Structure formats: structure tokens, C-alpha cells
Amino acid sequence: MASAVTCTTQSQMTETQRTTYIQAVQSLASEIQSGNVSAVKANTIASVAAQFDSIAGTIQSVAPLIQGSVLTIESIYSLQATDLKSPLDTQFFCSVPGSQLLINISIPQLPPGDYAFTVVHATGGKQPQQMAMILQNDPTGSAQWKLAGVFVRPLTSGGHDGVWYWTQARAYASKKQQWNAFFYYQNAAYLLSPVDFISSPNLEKLQKEMSAVRPDGLPDQEPMKIESNGQIFEITNVHTDGSLGGLDLVVNYKASDVSDPVATRSRNVAVMKALLTQHPELREAFHGLWVYANAENQRPFAIELPMNQIQ
């Protein structure tokens, strides 16, 4: 891990520092909101601008969701790493004087430089979003702060925020409904963490609670197998999705062939029924199920059904 790096929180900054960061963040966030890809790219560091397709796609996806939203800067951290000799996995420990709160920001292979990490909330629009950005002083010592990375996540899923899902997860855990509890914890963690490389005491507590209820046999290194009428299905991934309004559970399984839509749909429904037979409590927690049949060299075949249509 790197040494000789420092983190300064917003309350510890001088007024001049704070104003400089706020102006840079507001400008970039506004350009993202308007979908102005070329303007954002022009204010991006060269190494990132050279491989801009992913960020361009992110901007094009999120801009329609936050049109008319109110942009609020939630947090800014100044990350000093100019003493690094080469790119290095780097941890910044950000503490507020007089508080026990400690934020840990861990950035892999960070090049030497002067950075800022900020989180912006876009609320009041179609779908509330959070945008985390890394800015770099480029060139170092100049007045310019350019984009070095942007990460966008929703603030809500299925009409609820992360704290709501955390509360519901605890309720399901108290009823020994491990599947419901685990996936609600997982959803809470996703909504409450603007990026995967930041941690805090609250997020660590959430992760600990989630680990305690993780069901046995979930697909990880090996697929999860379920049986329906003598046929074995290998489940490769299970996760949640709230993009269509209600919170759905999404299931992916291996298939040998998906070219026959009638037969594949029948198998997908069989997977749904088998999963709900094993875990009937899922009906209580989720709007419906998405099931994807995945065959090699073929486009996945997916169907979605609300719980009341899976009988």
C-alpha cells in the first residue's frame, strides 16, 4: 500500500480550495446532465480521453434520466498523491476532526498526482442518480481540474432507497428468510455505495450483516443446481433489478440451445417454478422473476413474469 498520501475533507479545506473544486464539479456534472459528451471529453485527462467509449456510453445512458434534476454536491475529498513514485494501489483515510467517522478510499494502480473525489446527487427527475467522479489537477500545479473517472449508480430501486432496503433486509433476516434478506442487503449496499472502492463504518456493518445471512449454495465459483421434472438446471447468476418499477429477481442459467423460442420459454418457466418451490418466500419480497437462458454462441433468451402469473 502507498504511503505519503493524504486526504482532506470538505470541512478541512480552505474556502479557495472548496470553491475551486465546486466549480469544476458543477461544470462537469452539468455537462453530463445535458449529455454533452464532447465537452466532457475535452475536460478529461488525456489517458482517459484516449479510451472514452465507456464514459461516453455512461453519459448517454444517464443524461435522459436526470434531465431537469437538481444537482447537489454531497461530498468532496482532496486526495494528495504527488509523492508516489509510480502507479500504486493506494488507500486514503479520510477523517473529520472531532468525529470517529473514517472514510476509506482505495484506488488501484493510482498514478502520482493531485486528485479530488466527489459524489453528486441528481434528484427530482425520472430516476434519482448518484455520480461519483475522480478529478485530477492537470497539469499539476495549474488551475485546471479534469475528469479522471466517473461512476453512475441509481439512488433508488423499485421506488425505494438504500436505507429502506437495509431496514427490510433486517426484517426478513429476523424471520429467517435468508434469500429475501440477502438480496435486499445486496440491493441496499449497491444503492448506498457510490463506488466499490469506498468504505465506511456503516457500509462495513451492512456488509457484515449481509455475509451473516448469505444462503448456502448460491452460484459463485460453481453453479447452483435446481431440479424440475427430472431435469437439472445450472444457475450461474442471481441478482436483483429494479429498472422496470418493481424489484425483480434475475436468474441466469446454462442452456444447450435457445433457438426454439417455445421450448426455451417453457424451460424458463420451469426454472421459475422450481425456484419458487424451493424458496416460496421470494413471492413476498419480489415483484417478479426474470429468467435468462444462456447458450454458447447464441443470444440469451429472456422472459419476465410477475409472481402472480407463476403458478
Protein backbone atom coordinates (compact mmCIF):
# COMPACT_ATOMS: atom_id res chain seq x y z
CA MET A 1 0.00 0.00 0.00
CA ALA A 2 1.09 3.56 -0.66
CA SER A 3 2.47 5.88 1.98
CA ALA A 4 2.90 9.66 1.91
CA VAL A 5 -0.64 10.23 0.66
CA THR A 6 -3.20 12.43 2.38
CA CYS A 7 -6.94 13.06 2.35
CA THR A 8 -8.56 16.38 3.19
CA THR A 9 -12.30 16.50 3.84
CA GLN A 10 -14.50 19.36 2.72
CA SER A 11 -14.69 20.88 6.21
CA GLN A 12 -10.88 20.97 6.41
CA MET A 13 -10.40 22.77 3.09
CA THR A 14 -9.75 26.46 2.69
CA GLU A 15 -12.51 28.48 1.09
CA THR A 16 -10.38 28.84 -2.04
CA GLN A 17 -9.85 25.06 -2.32
CA ARG A 18 -13.52 24.36 -1.77
CA THR A 19 -14.62 26.91 -4.36
CA THR A 20 -12.18 25.55 -6.95
CA TYR A 21 -13.46 22.00 -6.52
CA ILE A 22 -17.12 23.03 -6.50
CA GLN A 23 -16.76 24.99 -9.74
CA ALA A 24 -15.02 22.09 -11.51
CA VAL A 25 -17.54 19.53 -10.27
CA GLN A 26 -20.56 21.67 -11.11
CA SER A 27 -19.28 22.25 -14.63
CA LEU A 28 -18.66 18.55 -15.33
CA ALA A 29 -21.91 17.43 -13.71
CA SER A 30 -23.90 19.95 -15.77
CA GLU A 31 -22.27 18.76 -19.00
CA ILE A 32 -23.08 15.15 -18.10
CA GLN A 33 -26.67 16.13 -17.31
CA SER A 34 -27.04 17.79 -20.71
CA GLY A 35 -25.48 14.80 -22.47
CA ASN A 36 -22.64 16.90 -23.88
CA VAL A 37 -20.16 14.09 -24.49
CA SER A 38 -17.68 16.21 -26.44
CA ALA A 39 -17.49 18.86 -23.70
CA VAL A 40 -16.86 16.24 -21.02
CA LYS A 41 -14.19 14.58 -23.16
CA ALA A 42 -12.49 17.93 -23.70
CA ASN A 43 -12.23 18.28 -19.92
CA THR A 44 -10.90 14.76 -19.34
CA ILE A 45 -7.26 13.80 -18.72
CA ALA A 46 -5.52 12.52 -21.85
CA SER A 47 -5.07 8.88 -20.77
CA VAL A 48 -8.79 8.53 -20.04
CA ALA A 49 -9.94 10.57 -23.04
CA ALA A 50 -7.99 8.17 -25.27
CA GLN A 51 -10.33 5.36 -24.19
CA PHE A 52 -13.55 7.32 -23.78
CA ASP A 53 -16.18 4.97 -25.21
CA SER A 54 -17.25 3.58 -21.84
CA ILE A 55 -17.66 7.03 -20.29
CA ALA A 56 -19.48 8.27 -23.39
CA GLY A 57 -21.91 5.38 -23.06
CA THR A 58 -22.45 6.17 -19.40
CA ILE A 59 -23.21 9.81 -20.19
CA GLN A 60 -25.63 8.89 -22.97
CA SER A 61 -27.43 6.46 -20.67
CA VAL A 62 -27.75 8.69 -17.62
CA ALA A 63 -28.46 12.06 -19.25
CA PRO A 64 -32.12 11.28 -20.13
CA LEU A 65 -32.72 10.05 -16.57
CA ILE A 66 -31.53 13.27 -14.92
CA GLN A 67 -32.94 15.90 -17.27
CA GLY A 68 -34.45 18.59 -15.06
CA SER A 69 -32.94 17.09 -11.91
CA VAL A 70 -31.42 19.18 -9.15
CA LEU A 71 -27.67 18.54 -8.88
CA THR A 72 -26.30 18.59 -5.34
CA ILE A 73 -22.67 18.05 -4.37
CA GLU A 74 -22.86 15.63 -1.43
CA SER A 75 -19.17 15.29 -0.64
CA ILE A 76 -15.71 16.32 -1.82
CA TYR A 77 -12.38 14.80 -0.73
CA SER A 78 -8.98 16.18 -1.72
CA LEU A 79 -6.59 13.28 -2.36
CA GLN A 80 -2.91 14.20 -2.43
CA ALA A 81 -0.72 11.55 -4.08
CA THR A 82 2.00 13.65 -5.67
CA ASP A 83 4.72 11.86 -3.66
CA LEU A 84 4.05 8.49 -5.32
CA LYS A 85 6.94 7.35 -7.49
CA SER A 86 4.84 5.19 -9.81
CA PRO A 87 1.26 3.87 -10.15
CA LEU A 88 0.39 2.04 -6.93
CA ASP A 89 -2.60 0.55 -5.12
CA THR A 90 -3.39 3.48 -2.84
CA GLN A 91 -5.52 3.92 0.27
CA PHE A 92 -6.70 7.28 1.56
CA PHE A 93 -8.02 7.51 5.12
CA CYS A 94 -10.36 10.47 5.40
CA SER A 95 -11.36 11.55 8.90
CA VAL A 96 -13.25 14.54 10.22
CA PRO A 97 -11.73 16.29 13.27
CA GLY A 98 -13.77 15.60 16.39
CA SER A 99 -15.57 12.66 14.77
CA GLN A 100 -14.97 8.91 14.79
CA LEU A 101 -16.19 8.65 11.20
CA LEU A 102 -13.45 7.31 8.92
CA ILE A 103 -13.91 7.03 5.17
CA ASN A 104 -11.53 4.71 3.34
CA ILE A 105 -10.96 5.34 -0.38
CA SER A 106 -8.91 2.60 -2.10
CA ILE A 107 -7.89 3.23 -5.70
CA PRO A 108 -5.93 0.52 -7.56
CA GLN A 109 -2.82 1.49 -9.54
CA LEU A 110 -3.20 5.22 -8.95
CA PRO A 111 -0.57 7.28 -10.83
CA PRO A 112 1.19 10.09 -8.94
CA GLY A 113 -0.92 13.24 -8.88
CA ASP A 114 -3.25 15.62 -7.11
CA TYR A 115 -6.83 14.31 -7.12
CA ALA A 116 -10.31 15.00 -5.82
CA PHE A 117 -13.11 12.50 -5.23
CA THR A 118 -16.66 13.81 -5.24
CA VAL A 119 -20.22 12.49 -5.13
CA VAL A 120 -23.07 14.38 -6.81
CA HIS A 121 -26.76 13.53 -6.34
CA ALA A 122 -29.25 14.19 -9.13
CA THR A 123 -32.75 14.27 -7.64
CA GLY A 124 -36.21 15.35 -8.71
CA GLY A 125 -36.02 13.76 -12.17
CA LYS A 126 -37.27 10.49 -13.64
CA GLN A 127 -34.87 8.28 -11.71
CA PRO A 128 -32.65 9.75 -8.94
CA GLN A 129 -28.99 9.04 -9.62
CA GLN A 130 -25.62 9.47 -7.91
CA MET A 131 -22.50 10.36 -9.84
CA ALA A 132 -19.08 9.73 -8.32
CA MET A 133 -16.20 11.47 -10.06
CA ILE A 134 -12.43 11.44 -9.73
CA LEU A 135 -10.84 14.71 -10.82
CA GLN A 136 -7.13 15.30 -11.41
CA ASN A 137 -5.20 18.55 -11.34
CA ASP A 138 -3.85 18.54 -14.90
CA PRO A 139 -1.20 19.72 -15.35
CA THR A 140 -0.18 19.51 -11.69
CA GLY A 141 0.02 22.94 -10.12
CA SER A 142 -2.26 24.54 -12.70
CA ALA A 143 -5.76 25.90 -12.16
CA GLN A 144 -7.30 23.10 -14.24
CA TRP A 145 -9.18 20.11 -12.80
CA LYS A 146 -10.11 17.43 -15.31
CA LEU A 147 -12.17 14.27 -15.20
CA ALA A 148 -10.19 11.10 -14.47
CA GLY A 149 -13.15 8.78 -13.90
CA VAL A 150 -16.93 8.81 -13.49
CA PHE A 151 -19.22 6.19 -11.96
CA VAL A 152 -23.02 6.37 -12.00
CA ARG A 153 -25.47 4.41 -9.85
CA PRO A 154 -29.15 4.86 -9.02
CA LEU A 155 -30.20 6.28 -5.68
CA THR A 156 -33.40 4.23 -5.65
CA SER A 157 -34.59 0.87 -6.92
CA GLY A 158 -38.21 -0.16 -7.22
CA GLY A 159 -39.19 3.18 -5.72
CA HIS A 160 -37.15 2.82 -2.50
CA ASP A 161 -33.74 3.98 -1.30
CA GLY A 162 -30.90 2.00 0.23
CA VAL A 163 -31.87 2.66 3.84
CA TRP A 164 -35.34 1.23 3.18
CA TYR A 165 -33.84 -1.95 1.72
CA TRP A 166 -31.48 -2.25 4.68
CA THR A 167 -34.41 -2.00 7.09
CA GLN A 168 -36.42 -4.57 5.12
CA ALA A 169 -33.40 -6.89 4.95
CA ARG A 170 -33.18 -6.89 8.73
CA ALA A 171 -36.88 -7.68 8.96
CA TYR A 172 -36.51 -10.64 6.58
CA ALA A 173 -33.44 -11.82 8.50
CA SER A 174 -35.44 -11.81 11.73
CA LYS A 175 -37.98 -14.09 10.02
CA LYS A 176 -35.18 -16.43 8.85
CA GLN A 177 -35.94 -15.65 5.20
CA GLN A 178 -32.31 -15.74 4.12
CA TRP A 179 -32.84 -15.37 0.39
CA ASN A 180 -35.01 -12.29 0.80
CA ALA A 181 -32.69 -10.83 3.43
CA PHE A 182 -29.50 -11.43 1.43
CA PHE A 183 -30.72 -9.88 -1.81
CA TYR A 184 -32.26 -6.91 0.00
CA TYR A 185 -28.94 -6.36 1.79
CA GLN A 186 -27.19 -6.63 -1.57
CA ASN A 187 -29.52 -4.07 -3.09
CA ALA A 188 -29.03 -1.75 -0.11
CA ALA A 189 -25.25 -1.99 -0.44
CA TYR A 190 -25.41 -1.14 -4.14
CA LEU A 191 -27.60 1.92 -3.59
CA LEU A 192 -25.68 3.20 -0.58
CA SER A 193 -22.19 2.79 -2.09
CA PRO A 194 -21.47 5.33 -4.84
CA VAL A 195 -18.46 3.19 -5.88
CA ASP A 196 -16.97 -0.14 -4.87
CA PHE A 197 -13.68 1.40 -3.75
CA ILE A 198 -15.07 3.43 -0.84
CA SER A 199 -15.91 2.11 2.61
CA SER A 200 -17.18 3.50 5.89
CA PRO A 201 -18.21 2.06 9.28
CA ASN A 202 -21.85 1.94 8.16
CA LEU A 203 -21.05 0.18 4.89
CA GLU A 204 -18.82 -2.31 6.70
CA LYS A 205 -21.65 -3.00 9.15
CA LEU A 206 -24.03 -3.60 6.24
CA GLN A 207 -21.57 -6.00 4.59
CA LYS A 208 -21.16 -7.92 7.86
CA GLU A 209 -24.92 -8.30 8.25
CA MET A 210 -25.23 -9.41 4.63
CA SER A 211 -22.49 -12.03 4.99
CA ALA A 212 -24.23 -13.46 8.05
CA VAL A 213 -27.37 -14.32 6.06
CA ARG A 214 -25.82 -15.42 2.76
CA PRO A 215 -27.70 -18.58 1.72
CA ASP A 216 -25.73 -21.75 1.13
CA GLY A 217 -25.38 -22.86 -2.46
CA LEU A 218 -25.69 -19.54 -4.26
CA PRO A 219 -23.81 -19.59 -7.57
CA ASP A 220 -20.24 -18.41 -7.22
CA GLN A 221 -17.30 -20.49 -8.38
CA GLU A 222 -19.73 -23.30 -9.13
CA PRO A 223 -23.30 -23.05 -10.50
CA MET A 224 -26.32 -23.68 -8.30
CA LYS A 225 -28.37 -26.66 -9.43
CA ILE A 226 -32.16 -26.88 -9.25
CA GLU A 227 -34.39 -29.69 -10.47
CA SER A 228 -37.71 -29.62 -12.32
CA ASN A 229 -39.49 -32.77 -13.51
CA GLY A 230 -36.26 -34.72 -13.62
CA GLN A 231 -34.32 -32.02 -15.48
CA ILE A 232 -31.36 -30.31 -13.80
CA PHE A 233 -30.78 -26.62 -14.44
CA GLU A 234 -27.43 -24.98 -13.67
CA ILE A 235 -27.96 -21.46 -12.32
CA THR A 236 -24.90 -19.28 -12.96
CA ASN A 237 -26.00 -15.94 -11.53
CA VAL A 238 -28.78 -14.45 -9.39
CA HIS A 239 -29.20 -10.72 -8.78
CA THR A 240 -31.84 -8.02 -8.43
CA ASP A 241 -33.14 -5.44 -10.89
CA GLY A 242 -35.49 -2.53 -10.24
CA SER A 243 -35.31 -0.77 -13.60
CA LEU A 244 -38.91 -1.58 -14.60
CA GLY A 245 -40.52 -0.23 -11.45
CA GLY A 246 -40.83 -3.11 -9.01
CA LEU A 247 -37.89 -5.09 -7.66
CA ASP A 248 -37.35 -8.28 -9.67
CA LEU A 249 -35.03 -11.22 -9.10
CA VAL A 250 -32.94 -12.03 -12.18
CA VAL A 251 -31.80 -15.61 -12.79
CA ASN A 252 -29.31 -16.80 -15.43
CA TYR A 253 -28.88 -20.47 -16.31
CA LYS A 254 -26.91 -22.57 -18.78
CA ALA A 255 -28.75 -23.93 -21.80
CA SER A 256 -27.53 -26.10 -24.65
CA ASP A 257 -29.74 -24.38 -27.25
CA VAL A 258 -32.18 -21.46 -27.28
CA SER A 259 -33.12 -21.43 -30.96
CA ASP A 260 -36.64 -22.78 -30.32
CA PRO A 261 -38.50 -19.94 -28.54
CA VAL A 262 -41.46 -22.09 -27.50
CA ALA A 263 -39.31 -24.79 -25.92
CA THR A 264 -36.96 -22.27 -24.33
CA ARG A 265 -39.82 -20.28 -22.85
CA SER A 266 -41.18 -23.48 -21.35
CA ARG A 267 -37.80 -24.22 -19.76
CA ASN A 268 -37.56 -20.67 -18.42
CA VAL A 269 -40.96 -21.01 -16.76
CA ALA A 270 -39.88 -24.37 -15.34
CA VAL A 271 -36.86 -22.66 -13.76
CA MET A 272 -39.15 -20.03 -12.24
CA LYS A 273 -41.48 -22.63 -10.78
CA ALA A 274 -38.64 -24.76 -9.44
CA LEU A 275 -37.01 -21.77 -7.74
CA LEU A 276 -40.28 -20.68 -6.12
CA THR A 277 -40.99 -24.23 -5.00
CA GLN A 278 -37.66 -24.27 -3.18
CA HIS A 279 -37.97 -20.70 -1.90
CA PRO A 280 -41.65 -19.69 -1.70
CA GLU A 281 -40.75 -16.67 0.46
CA LEU A 282 -39.47 -14.94 -2.70
CA ARG A 283 -43.08 -14.24 -3.64
CA GLU A 284 -43.31 -11.87 -0.68
CA ALA A 285 -40.21 -9.82 -1.46
CA PHE A 286 -40.14 -9.51 -5.26
CA HIS A 287 -42.44 -8.20 -7.96
CA GLY A 288 -41.46 -10.96 -10.36
CA LEU A 289 -38.72 -13.06 -11.92
CA TRP A 290 -36.53 -12.53 -14.97
CA VAL A 291 -35.01 -15.75 -16.31
CA TYR A 292 -32.26 -15.77 -18.95
CA ALA A 293 -31.35 -18.93 -20.84
CA ASN A 294 -27.72 -18.67 -21.99
CA ALA A 295 -26.39 -20.93 -24.74
CA GLU A 296 -22.92 -20.69 -26.23
CA ASN A 297 -22.73 -18.55 -29.39
CA GLN A 298 -26.44 -17.67 -29.19
CA ARG A 299 -28.26 -14.58 -27.97
CA PRO A 300 -29.70 -15.11 -24.46
CA PHE A 301 -33.43 -15.82 -24.35
CA ALA A 302 -35.19 -13.99 -21.51
CA ILE A 303 -38.71 -13.74 -20.14
CA GLU A 304 -40.18 -11.85 -17.19
CA LEU A 305 -43.28 -12.80 -15.25
CA PRO A 306 -44.84 -11.19 -12.19
CA MET A 307 -45.21 -13.51 -9.22
CA ASN A 308 -48.99 -13.82 -9.60
CA GLN A 309 -48.51 -15.29 -13.08
CA ILE A 310 -46.10 -18.01 -11.95
CA GLN A 311 -48.31 -20.86 -10.80
